[in-house]
Amino acid sequence: MAVIKTIDLVGVSTESWRDAAHKALDEATKTLRNVEGFTVMETSALVDGAQIAEYHTTVRIRFRISR
């Protein structure tokens, strides 16, 4: 029987929400095995004046538990 675990991460980028999601996935795969996918839960940004300073993407990473 398979068990899937999830964790939520927030990726941060000065380029785009897509890049922020990639950064979260890259970091997750450094320490997690069997990553199967992720869901974008939320996007947000920090603003400096009239410009976006940082893009934030909250992702829910799914990975299969192995014994």
PDB file of N, CA and C in Angstrom:
ATOM      1  N   MET A   1       0.850  -1.174   0.000  1.00  0.00           N
ATOM      2  CA  MET A   1       0.000   0.000   0.000  1.00  0.00           C
ATOM      3  C   MET A   1       0.894   1.235   0.000  1.00  0.00           C
ATOM      4  N   ALA A   2       0.562   2.231  -0.814  1.00  0.00           N
ATOM      5  CA  ALA A   2       1.339   3.463  -0.922  1.00  0.00           C
ATOM      6  C   ALA A   2       0.770   4.539  -0.005  1.00  0.00           C
ATOM      7  N   VAL A   3       1.671   5.360   0.488  1.00  0.00           N
ATOM      8  CA  VAL A   3       1.283   6.526   1.281  1.00  0.00           C
ATOM      9  C   VAL A   3       1.985   7.733   0.682  1.00  0.00           C
ATOM     10  N   ILE A   4       1.221   8.777   0.436  1.00  0.00           N
ATOM     11  CA  ILE A   4       1.759  10.015  -0.101  1.00  0.00           C
ATOM     12  C   ILE A   4       1.752  11.057   1.014  1.00  0.00           C
ATOM     13  N   LYS A   5       2.882  11.737   1.188  1.00  0.00           N
ATOM     14  CA  LYS A   5       2.981  12.814   2.181  1.00  0.00           C
ATOM     15  C   LYS A   5       3.108  14.130   1.427  1.00  0.00           C
ATOM     16  N   THR A   6       2.659  15.217   2.051  1.00  0.00           N
ATOM     17  CA  THR A   6       2.784  16.537   1.435  1.00  0.00           C
ATOM     18  C   THR A   6       3.466  17.500   2.400  1.00  0.00           C
ATOM     19  N   ILE A   7       4.163  18.456   1.814  1.00  0.00           N
ATOM     20  CA  ILE A   7       4.699  19.586   2.577  1.00  0.00           C
ATOM     21  C   ILE A   7       4.437  20.850   1.768  1.00  0.00           C
ATOM     22  N   ASP A   8       4.262  21.948   2.456  1.00  0.00           N
ATOM     23  CA  ASP A   8       4.065  23.236   1.792  1.00  0.00           C
ATOM     24  C   ASP A   8       5.351  24.042   1.876  1.00  0.00           C
ATOM     25  N   LEU A   9       5.743  24.616   0.747  1.00  0.00           N
ATOM     26  CA  LEU A   9       6.928  25.467   0.664  1.00  0.00           C
ATOM     27  C   LEU A   9       6.578  26.740  -0.070  1.00  0.00           C
ATOM     28  N   VAL A  10       7.323  27.805   0.214  1.00  0.00           N
ATOM     29  CA  VAL A  10       7.172  29.058  -0.516  1.00  0.00           C
ATOM     30  C   VAL A  10       8.478  29.335  -1.243  1.00  0.00           C
ATOM     31  N   GLY A  11       8.420  29.328  -2.571  1.00  0.00           N
ATOM     32  CA  GLY A  11       9.572  29.691  -3.381  1.00  0.00           C
ATOM     33  C   GLY A  11       9.579  31.200  -3.580  1.00  0.00           C
ATOM     34  N   VAL A  12      10.773  31.775  -3.632  1.00  0.00           N
ATOM     35  CA  VAL A  12      10.927  33.220  -3.775  1.00  0.00           C
ATOM     36  C   VAL A  12      11.832  33.503  -4.973  1.00  0.00           C
ATOM     37  N   SER A  13      11.425  34.477  -5.794  1.00  0.00           N
ATOM     38  CA  SER A  13      12.204  34.843  -6.978  1.00  0.00           C
ATOM     39  C   SER A  13      12.047  36.331  -7.268  1.00  0.00           C
ATOM     40  N   THR A  14      13.047  36.895  -7.885  1.00  0.00           N
ATOM     41  CA  THR A  14      12.930  38.277  -8.370  1.00  0.00           C
ATOM     42  C   THR A  14      12.517  38.303  -9.840  1.00  0.00           C
ATOM     43  N   GLU A  15      12.352  37.096 -10.444  1.00  0.00           N
ATOM     44  CA  GLU A  15      12.043  36.995 -11.873  1.00  0.00           C
ATOM     45  C   GLU A  15      10.560  36.787 -12.171  1.00  0.00           C
ATOM     46  N   SER A  16       9.950  35.741 -11.543  1.00  0.00           N
ATOM     47  CA  SER A  16       8.565  35.411 -11.884  1.00  0.00           C
ATOM     48  C   SER A  16       7.999  34.416 -10.868  1.00  0.00           C
ATOM     49  N   TRP A  17       6.669  34.237 -10.913  1.00  0.00           N
ATOM     50  CA  TRP A  17       6.037  33.219 -10.072  1.00  0.00           C
ATOM     51  C   TRP A  17       6.481  31.823 -10.513  1.00  0.00           C
ATOM     52  N   ARG A  18       6.632  31.630 -11.794  1.00  0.00           N
ATOM     53  CA  ARG A  18       7.080  30.335 -12.317  1.00  0.00           C
ATOM     54  C   ARG A  18       8.472  29.988 -11.796  1.00  0.00           C
ATOM     55  N   ASP A  19       9.374  30.960 -11.821  1.00  0.00           N
ATOM     56  CA  ASP A  19      10.729  30.752 -11.312  1.00  0.00           C
ATOM     57  C   ASP A  19      10.696  30.454  -9.807  1.00  0.00           C
ATOM     58  N   ALA A  20       9.813  31.119  -9.079  1.00  0.00           N
ATOM     59  CA  ALA A  20       9.681  30.864  -7.644  1.00  0.00           C
ATOM     60  C   ALA A  20       9.224  29.426  -7.394  1.00  0.00           C
ATOM     61  N   ALA A  21       8.305  28.919  -8.201  1.00  0.00           N
ATOM     62  CA  ALA A  21       7.856  27.529  -8.068  1.00  0.00           C
ATOM     63  C   ALA A  21       8.997  26.567  -8.360  1.00  0.00           C
ATOM     64  N   HIS A  22       9.781  26.849  -9.386  1.00  0.00           N
ATOM     65  CA  HIS A  22      10.938  26.010  -9.709  1.00  0.00           C
ATOM     66  C   HIS A  22      11.944  25.995  -8.563  1.00  0.00           C
ATOM     67  N   LYS A  23      12.154  27.130  -7.935  1.00  0.00           N
ATOM     68  CA  LYS A  23      13.104  27.193  -6.819  1.00  0.00           C
ATOM     69  C   LYS A  23      12.620  26.364  -5.632  1.00  0.00           C
ATOM     70  N   ALA A  24      11.320  26.399  -5.362  1.00  0.00           N
ATOM     71  CA  ALA A  24      10.776  25.575  -4.280  1.00  0.00           C
ATOM     72  C   ALA A  24      10.962  24.092  -4.594  1.00  0.00           C
ATOM     73  N   LEU A  25      10.676  23.694  -5.825  1.00  0.00           N
ATOM     74  CA  LEU A  25      10.848  22.295  -6.224  1.00  0.00           C
ATOM     75  C   LEU A  25      12.313  21.887  -6.167  1.00  0.00           C
ATOM     76  N   ASP A  26      13.205  22.728  -6.656  1.00  0.00           N
ATOM     77  CA  ASP A  26      14.639  22.427  -6.620  1.00  0.00           C
ATOM     78  C   ASP A  26      15.111  22.193  -5.191  1.00  0.00           C
ATOM     79  N   GLU A  27      14.675  23.027  -4.275  1.00  0.00           N
ATOM     80  CA  GLU A  27      15.080  22.888  -2.874  1.00  0.00           C
ATOM     81  C   GLU A  27      14.498  21.619  -2.258  1.00  0.00           C
ATOM     82  N   ALA A  28      13.246  21.318  -2.572  1.00  0.00           N
ATOM     83  CA  ALA A  28      12.607  20.117  -2.021  1.00  0.00           C
ATOM     84  C   ALA A  28      13.330  18.852  -2.463  1.00  0.00           C
ATOM     85  N   THR A  29      13.731  18.794  -3.721  1.00  0.00           N
ATOM     86  CA  THR A  29      14.355  17.573  -4.236  1.00  0.00           C
ATOM     87  C   THR A  29      15.777  17.373  -3.723  1.00  0.00           C
ATOM     88  N   LYS A  30      16.340  18.355  -3.042  1.00  0.00           N
ATOM     89  CA  LYS A  30      17.659  18.186  -2.430  1.00  0.00           C
ATOM     90  C   LYS A  30      17.591  17.251  -1.220  1.00  0.00           C
ATOM     91  N   THR A  31      16.436  17.221  -0.535  1.00  0.00           N
ATOM     92  CA  THR A  31      16.333  16.421   0.686  1.00  0.00           C
ATOM     93  C   THR A  31      15.212  15.381   0.652  1.00  0.00           C
ATOM     94  N   LEU A  32      14.304  15.460  -0.286  1.00  0.00           N
ATOM     95  CA  LEU A  32      13.189  14.510  -0.357  1.00  0.00           C
ATOM     96  C   LEU A  32      13.407  13.533  -1.506  1.00  0.00           C
ATOM     97  N   ARG A  33      13.074  12.270  -1.249  1.00  0.00           N
ATOM     98  CA  ARG A  33      13.090  11.264  -2.312  1.00  0.00           C
ATOM     99  C   ARG A  33      11.662  11.049  -2.789  1.00  0.00           C
ATOM    100  N   ASN A  34      11.542  10.536  -3.988  1.00  0.00           N
ATOM    101  CA  ASN A  34      10.250  10.114  -4.549  1.00  0.00           C
ATOM    102  C   ASN A  34       9.246  11.251  -4.713  1.00  0.00           C
ATOM    103  N   VAL A  35       9.720  12.443  -5.050  1.00  0.00           N
ATOM    104  CA  VAL A  35       8.804  13.558  -5.314  1.00  0.00           C
ATOM    105  C   VAL A  35       8.018  13.227  -6.578  1.00  0.00           C
ATOM    106  N   GLU A  36       6.690  13.314  -6.478  1.00  0.00           N
ATOM    107  CA  GLU A  36       5.820  12.940  -7.601  1.00  0.00           C
ATOM    108  C   GLU A  36       5.167  14.125  -8.283  1.00  0.00           C
ATOM    109  N   GLY A  37       5.078  15.255  -7.600  1.00  0.00           N
ATOM    110  CA  GLY A  37       4.444  16.413  -8.205  1.00  0.00           C
ATOM    111  C   GLY A  37       4.179  17.480  -7.170  1.00  0.00           C
ATOM    112  N   PHE A  38       3.555  18.552  -7.619  1.00  0.00           N
ATOM    113  CA  PHE A  38       3.168  19.610  -6.698  1.00  0.00           C
ATOM    114  C   PHE A  38       1.959  20.354  -7.228  1.00  0.00           C
ATOM    115  N   THR A  39       1.287  21.048  -6.325  1.00  0.00           N
ATOM    116  CA  THR A  39       0.156  21.896  -6.658  1.00  0.00           C
ATOM    117  C   THR A  39       0.488  23.316  -6.245  1.00  0.00           C
ATOM    118  N   VAL A  40       0.241  24.267  -7.131  1.00  0.00           N
ATOM    119  CA  VAL A  40       0.412  25.671  -6.760  1.00  0.00           C
ATOM    120  C   VAL A  40      -0.797  26.073  -5.928  1.00  0.00           C
ATOM    121  N   MET A  41      -0.534  26.464  -4.699  1.00  0.00           N
ATOM    122  CA  MET A  41      -1.602  26.826  -3.771  1.00  0.00           C
ATOM    123  C   MET A  41      -1.930  28.315  -3.824  1.00  0.00           C
ATOM    124  N   GLU A  42      -0.880  29.136  -3.996  1.00  0.00           N
ATOM    125  CA  GLU A  42      -1.085  30.589  -3.933  1.00  0.00           C
ATOM    126  C   GLU A  42       0.111  31.286  -4.565  1.00  0.00           C
ATOM    127  N   THR A  43      -0.151  32.443  -5.132  1.00  0.00           N
ATOM    128  CA  THR A  43       0.927  33.320  -5.586  1.00  0.00           C
ATOM    129  C   THR A  43       0.717  34.685  -4.947  1.00  0.00           C
ATOM    130  N   SER A  44       1.837  35.339  -4.651  1.00  0.00           N
ATOM    131  CA  SER A  44       1.774  36.679  -4.069  1.00  0.00           C
ATOM    132  C   SER A  44       3.067  37.399  -4.433  1.00  0.00           C
ATOM    133  N   ALA A  45       3.146  38.656  -4.058  1.00  0.00           N
ATOM    134  CA  ALA A  45       4.342  39.426  -4.392  1.00  0.00           C
ATOM    135  C   ALA A  45       4.581  40.512  -3.351  1.00  0.00           C
ATOM    136  N   LEU A  46       5.849  40.878  -3.224  1.00  0.00           N
ATOM    137  CA  LEU A  46       6.229  42.047  -2.435  1.00  0.00           C
ATOM    138  C   LEU A  46       6.453  43.196  -3.407  1.00  0.00           C
ATOM    139  N   VAL A  47       5.989  44.369  -3.035  1.00  0.00           N
ATOM    140  CA  VAL A  47       6.063  45.531  -3.915  1.00  0.00           C
ATOM    141  C   VAL A  47       6.986  46.572  -3.309  1.00  0.00           C
ATOM    142  N   ASP A  48       7.807  47.173  -4.159  1.00  0.00           N
ATOM    143  CA  ASP A  48       8.679  48.277  -3.768  1.00  0.00           C
ATOM    144  C   ASP A  48       8.349  49.442  -4.685  1.00  0.00           C
ATOM    145  N   GLY A  49       7.668  50.450  -4.139  1.00  0.00           N
ATOM    146  CA  GLY A  49       7.186  51.543  -4.985  1.00  0.00           C
ATOM    147  C   GLY A  49       6.084  51.030  -5.886  1.00  0.00           C
ATOM    148  N   ALA A  50       6.285  51.149  -7.193  1.00  0.00           N
ATOM    149  CA  ALA A  50       5.295  50.663  -8.152  1.00  0.00           C
ATOM    150  C   ALA A  50       5.777  49.404  -8.865  1.00  0.00           C
ATOM    151  N   GLN A  51       6.838  48.772  -8.344  1.00  0.00           N
ATOM    152  CA  GLN A  51       7.425  47.605  -8.991  1.00  0.00           C
ATOM    153  C   GLN A  51       7.330  46.370  -8.098  1.00  0.00           C
ATOM    154  N   ILE A  52       7.228  45.222  -8.719  1.00  0.00           N
ATOM    155  CA  ILE A  52       7.276  43.966  -7.967  1.00  0.00           C
ATOM    156  C   ILE A  52       8.734  43.697  -7.601  1.00  0.00           C
ATOM    157  N   ALA A  53       8.994  43.546  -6.299  1.00  0.00           N
ATOM    158  CA  ALA A  53      10.350  43.294  -5.814  1.00  0.00           C
ATOM    159  C   ALA A  53      10.628  41.800  -5.708  1.00  0.00           C
ATOM    160  N   GLU A  54       9.642  41.018  -5.265  1.00  0.00           N
ATOM    161  CA  GLU A  54       9.786  39.573  -5.118  1.00  0.00           C
ATOM    162  C   GLU A  54       8.482  38.873  -5.462  1.00  0.00           C
ATOM    163  N   TYR A  55       8.606  37.772  -6.170  1.00  0.00           N
ATOM    164  CA  TYR A  55       7.475  36.899  -6.461  1.00  0.00           C
ATOM    165  C   TYR A  55       7.516  35.734  -5.478  1.00  0.00           C
ATOM    166  N   HIS A  56       6.379  35.408  -4.880  1.00  0.00           N
ATOM    167  CA  HIS A  56       6.274  34.281  -3.949  1.00  0.00           C
ATOM    168  C   HIS A  56       5.258  33.289  -4.496  1.00  0.00           C
ATOM    169  N   THR A  57       5.634  32.022  -4.534  1.00  0.00           N
ATOM    170  CA  THR A  57       4.727  30.961  -4.973  1.00  0.00           C
ATOM    171  C   THR A  57       4.685  29.884  -3.897  1.00  0.00           C
ATOM    172  N   THR A  58       3.504  29.659  -3.335  1.00  0.00           N
ATOM    173  CA  THR A  58       3.316  28.607  -2.343  1.00  0.00           C
ATOM    174  C   THR A  58       2.927  27.331  -3.068  1.00  0.00           C
ATOM    175  N   VAL A  59       3.710  26.272  -2.845  1.00  0.00           N
ATOM    176  CA  VAL A  59       3.448  24.990  -3.502  1.00  0.00           C
ATOM    177  C   VAL A  59       3.288  23.898  -2.457  1.00  0.00           C
ATOM    178  N   ARG A  60       2.447  22.919  -2.776  1.00  0.00           N
ATOM    179  CA  ARG A  60       2.286  21.723  -1.937  1.00  0.00           C
ATOM    180  C   ARG A  60       2.965  20.577  -2.684  1.00  0.00           C
ATOM    181  N   ILE A  61       4.111  20.149  -2.157  1.00  0.00           N
ATOM    182  CA  ILE A  61       4.918  19.095  -2.754  1.00  0.00           C
ATOM    183  C   ILE A  61       4.384  17.727  -2.303  1.00  0.00           C
ATOM    184  N   ARG A  62       4.218  16.787  -3.258  1.00  0.00           N
ATOM    185  CA  ARG A  62       3.766  15.432  -2.942  1.00  0.00           C
ATOM    186  C   ARG A  62       4.918  14.456  -3.153  1.00  0.00           C
ATOM    187  N   PHE A  63       5.142  13.598  -2.147  1.00  0.00           N
ATOM    188  CA  PHE A  63       6.152  12.568  -2.303  1.00  0.00           C
ATOM    189  C   PHE A  63       5.698  11.268  -1.652  1.00  0.00           C
ATOM    190  N   ARG A  64       6.144  10.168  -2.248  1.00  0.00           N
ATOM    191  CA  ARG A  64       5.735   8.839  -1.797  1.00  0.00           C
ATOM    192  C   ARG A  64       6.659   8.381  -0.670  1.00  0.00           C
ATOM    193  N   ILE A  65       6.068   7.884   0.411  1.00  0.00           N
ATOM    194  CA  ILE A  65       6.816   7.367   1.550  1.00  0.00           C
ATOM    195  C   ILE A  65       7.359   5.988   1.189  1.00  0.00           C
ATOM    196  N   SER A  66       8.660   5.798   1.418  1.00  0.00           N
ATOM    197  CA  SER A  66       9.250   4.467   1.184  1.00  0.00           C
ATOM    198  C   SER A  66       9.860   3.970   2.499  1.00  0.00           C
ATOM    199  N   ARG A  67       9.802   2.694   2.682  1.00  0.00           N
ATOM    200  CA  ARG A  67      10.340   2.092   3.920  1.00  0.00           C
ATOM    201  C   ARG A  67      11.654   1.407   3.631  1.00  0.00           C
TER     202      ARG A  67
END
